[in-house]
Amino acid sequence: MAQELSCVVAGFGGQGSLFAGKVIATAGLIEDREVSWMPSYGPEMRGGTANCSVTLSDAPIGSPLVLAPNALIALNQPSFDKFIDTVVDGGTVVVDTAMVPQMSEPAGVTVIGIPATKLCEEAGIKGLGNIVLIGKLWAEVGFCSREALDAAIAKCVPAKRSEKLEQNRRAIELGISA
């Protein structure tokens, strides 16, 4: 089995942080692991703050709230600033440097920055920076099998938006190869 993941995915409403967390959680469900996904967002939704706690484990999960994550996906500067100091020693942080110009790297934490938003725009798949960052996190920590990740994308992209499925797959690949 893959390693345990206690992750926070955070950004502005509309950046897809909750969707990204849902993809990670779905990958865990596909592998028949213990899974927790808990969204949190401000009342203003699009443009307000949004984050979710995601846990994938082989043991029962005591609380859905992740207060000391071993992984963080930060989609914007306020989210990076808010959660960076909560990441545990040995943790991994994946950051969209197109949206987070100022990064710090706490001792014992690996911070990996990639210009996810810019990569998406250049590839013609605007708006999928969140998925690029999932790909990068997967490449760094291997939180599930590659087959489970691919199946999770296929399951989470709704049938009515089937044209987005191939774009999401391309975004995962961009993140993995970045």
Protein backbone atom coordinates (compact mmCIF):
# COMPACT_ATOMS: atom_id res chain seq x y z
CA MET A 1 0.00 0.00 0.00
CA ALA A 2 0.95 3.63 -0.50
CA GLN A 3 2.05 5.79 2.38
CA GLU A 4 -0.46 7.48 4.68
CA LEU A 5 -1.44 10.92 3.50
CA SER A 6 -2.73 13.73 5.71
CA CYS A 7 -3.13 16.60 3.28
CA VAL A 8 -4.52 20.10 3.14
CA VAL A 9 -5.46 21.49 -0.27
CA ALA A 10 -6.03 25.25 -0.10
CA GLY A 11 -6.78 28.18 -2.39
CA PHE A 12 -9.42 30.70 -3.36
CA GLY A 13 -12.95 29.54 -4.10
CA GLY A 14 -13.11 28.71 -7.80
CA GLN A 15 -9.49 27.45 -8.03
CA GLY A 16 -10.60 23.86 -7.55
CA SER A 17 -9.10 23.09 -4.15
CA LEU A 18 -12.17 21.12 -3.06
CA PHE A 19 -12.27 19.24 -6.37
CA ALA A 20 -8.56 18.42 -6.03
CA GLY A 21 -9.17 17.03 -2.57
CA LYS A 22 -12.07 14.99 -3.92
CA VAL A 23 -9.80 13.45 -6.59
CA ILE A 24 -7.22 12.47 -3.95
CA ALA A 25 -9.94 11.03 -1.69
CA THR A 26 -11.50 9.12 -4.58
CA ALA A 27 -8.13 7.55 -5.40
CA GLY A 28 -8.01 6.29 -1.81
CA LEU A 29 -11.54 4.88 -2.08
CA ILE A 30 -10.63 3.07 -5.30
CA GLU A 31 -7.76 1.41 -3.42
CA ASP A 32 -10.17 0.44 -0.62
CA ARG A 33 -8.33 2.53 1.96
CA GLU A 34 -9.71 4.44 4.91
CA VAL A 35 -10.57 7.92 3.59
CA SER A 36 -11.65 11.25 4.99
CA TRP A 37 -12.43 14.41 2.98
CA MET A 38 -13.64 17.52 4.78
CA PRO A 39 -14.25 20.79 2.92
CA SER A 40 -14.06 24.24 4.47
CA TYR A 41 -14.94 27.46 2.67
CA GLY A 42 -15.93 31.02 3.33
CA PRO A 43 -19.49 32.24 2.71
CA GLU A 44 -18.46 34.12 -0.42
CA MET A 45 -17.49 30.87 -2.27
CA ARG A 46 -15.90 31.95 -5.58
CA GLY A 47 -13.09 34.32 -4.66
CA GLY A 48 -13.29 33.54 -0.94
CA THR A 49 -11.08 31.08 0.88
CA ALA A 50 -11.53 27.36 0.31
CA ASN A 51 -9.60 24.39 1.62
CA CYS A 52 -10.12 20.76 2.44
CA SER A 53 -8.55 18.17 4.66
CA VAL A 54 -7.92 14.79 3.04
CA THR A 55 -6.64 11.69 4.80
CA LEU A 56 -5.79 8.36 3.18
CA SER A 57 -4.83 5.61 5.60
CA ASP A 58 -4.69 1.87 6.07
CA ALA A 59 -5.91 2.30 9.67
CA PRO A 60 -9.12 3.90 10.98
CA ILE A 61 -9.07 7.72 10.90
CA GLY A 62 -9.83 9.40 14.20
CA SER A 63 -10.74 12.85 12.94
CA PRO A 64 -11.49 14.28 9.51
CA LEU A 65 -9.73 17.55 10.37
CA VAL A 66 -6.04 17.66 9.38
CA LEU A 67 -4.22 19.99 11.77
CA ALA A 68 -0.68 18.68 11.17
CA PRO A 69 -0.51 17.69 7.49
CA ASN A 70 2.32 15.69 5.95
CA ALA A 71 1.37 17.26 2.60
CA LEU A 72 0.08 20.65 1.47
CA ILE A 73 -1.09 21.82 -1.93
CA ALA A 74 -1.13 25.64 -1.95
CA LEU A 75 -2.92 27.34 -4.84
CA ASN A 76 -2.36 30.94 -3.71
CA GLN A 77 -0.25 33.12 -1.41
CA PRO A 78 -2.76 33.49 1.47
CA SER A 79 -3.21 29.71 1.60
CA PHE A 80 0.54 29.09 1.56
CA ASP A 81 1.04 31.65 4.34
CA LYS A 82 -1.78 30.20 6.44
CA PHE A 83 -0.80 26.52 6.26
CA ILE A 84 2.97 26.32 5.68
CA ASP A 85 3.84 26.32 9.37
CA THR A 86 1.39 23.49 10.10
CA VAL A 87 3.22 20.97 7.88
CA VAL A 88 5.03 18.32 9.93
CA ASP A 89 8.74 17.56 9.78
CA GLY A 90 9.37 15.41 6.72
CA GLY A 91 6.29 16.83 4.98
CA THR A 92 5.97 17.85 1.33
CA VAL A 93 4.48 21.10 0.05
CA VAL A 94 3.54 21.60 -3.61
CA VAL A 95 2.99 25.21 -4.63
CA ASP A 96 1.75 27.02 -7.74
CA THR A 97 4.55 29.59 -8.12
CA ALA A 98 2.44 31.50 -10.64
CA MET A 99 0.12 32.35 -7.73
CA VAL A 100 2.58 32.16 -4.81
CA PRO A 101 5.49 34.53 -5.50
CA GLN A 102 6.93 34.43 -1.97
CA MET A 103 7.80 31.03 -0.55
CA SER A 104 9.60 30.02 2.60
CA GLU A 105 10.92 26.56 3.38
CA PRO A 106 10.65 25.60 7.04
CA ALA A 107 13.36 23.27 8.33
CA GLY A 108 12.50 19.63 7.68
CA VAL A 109 9.81 20.42 5.07
CA THR A 110 10.30 19.97 1.33
CA VAL A 111 8.74 22.82 -0.67
CA ILE A 112 8.35 22.23 -4.41
CA GLY A 113 7.22 25.10 -6.57
CA ILE A 114 5.99 24.75 -10.14
CA PRO A 115 4.19 27.41 -12.23
CA ALA A 116 1.05 25.26 -12.58
CA THR A 117 -1.27 28.03 -13.79
CA LYS A 118 1.26 29.12 -16.41
CA LEU A 119 1.92 25.54 -17.56
CA CYS A 120 -1.81 25.03 -18.06
CA GLU A 121 -2.20 28.23 -20.08
CA GLU A 122 0.73 27.27 -22.30
CA ALA A 123 -0.73 23.78 -22.83
CA GLY A 124 -4.18 25.16 -23.70
CA ILE A 125 -5.86 23.70 -20.61
CA LYS A 126 -6.46 26.86 -18.62
CA GLY A 127 -7.97 26.45 -15.15
CA LEU A 128 -6.44 23.08 -14.26
CA GLY A 129 -3.53 24.21 -12.08
CA ASN A 130 -5.10 22.30 -9.20
CA ILE A 131 -4.83 19.05 -11.16
CA VAL A 132 -1.23 19.78 -12.20
CA LEU A 133 -0.37 20.13 -8.51
CA ILE A 134 -2.02 16.77 -7.72
CA GLY A 135 0.21 15.21 -10.36
CA LYS A 136 3.29 16.81 -8.81
CA LEU A 137 2.32 15.68 -5.30
CA TRP A 138 1.72 12.16 -6.59
CA ALA A 139 5.15 12.15 -8.30
CA GLU A 140 6.78 13.23 -5.03
CA VAL A 141 5.01 11.08 -2.43
CA GLY A 142 3.12 8.34 -4.32
CA PHE A 143 -0.04 8.56 -2.21
CA CYS A 144 -1.78 5.94 -4.39
CA SER A 145 -1.12 3.76 -7.42
CA ARG A 146 -1.02 5.42 -10.82
CA GLU A 147 -4.03 3.33 -11.87
CA ALA A 148 -6.04 4.60 -8.91
CA LEU A 149 -5.12 8.20 -9.72
CA ASP A 150 -6.22 7.79 -13.35
CA ALA A 151 -9.46 6.08 -12.27
CA ALA A 152 -10.14 8.86 -9.73
CA ILE A 153 -9.86 11.53 -12.45
CA ALA A 154 -12.25 9.53 -14.64
CA LYS A 155 -14.71 9.16 -11.75
CA CYS A 156 -14.59 12.78 -10.57
CA VAL A 157 -14.99 14.50 -13.93
CA PRO A 158 -18.79 14.50 -14.40
CA ALA A 159 -20.29 12.86 -17.49
CA LYS A 160 -21.84 16.18 -18.53
CA ARG A 161 -18.28 17.59 -18.75
CA SER A 162 -16.74 14.60 -20.48
CA GLU A 163 -14.81 16.91 -22.81
CA LYS A 164 -12.76 17.90 -19.72
CA LEU A 165 -11.59 14.35 -18.98
CA GLU A 166 -8.70 14.34 -21.46
CA GLN A 167 -7.69 17.84 -20.32
CA ASN A 168 -7.54 16.63 -16.70
CA ARG A 169 -5.42 13.67 -17.77
CA ARG A 170 -3.04 16.04 -19.57
CA ALA A 171 -2.87 18.22 -16.45
CA ILE A 172 -1.90 15.22 -14.29
CA GLU A 173 0.86 14.40 -16.79
CA LEU A 174 2.09 18.02 -16.73
CA GLY A 175 2.43 17.82 -12.95
CA ILE A 176 4.15 14.45 -12.96
CA SER A 177 6.72 15.57 -15.51
CA ALA A 178 7.28 19.07 -14.07
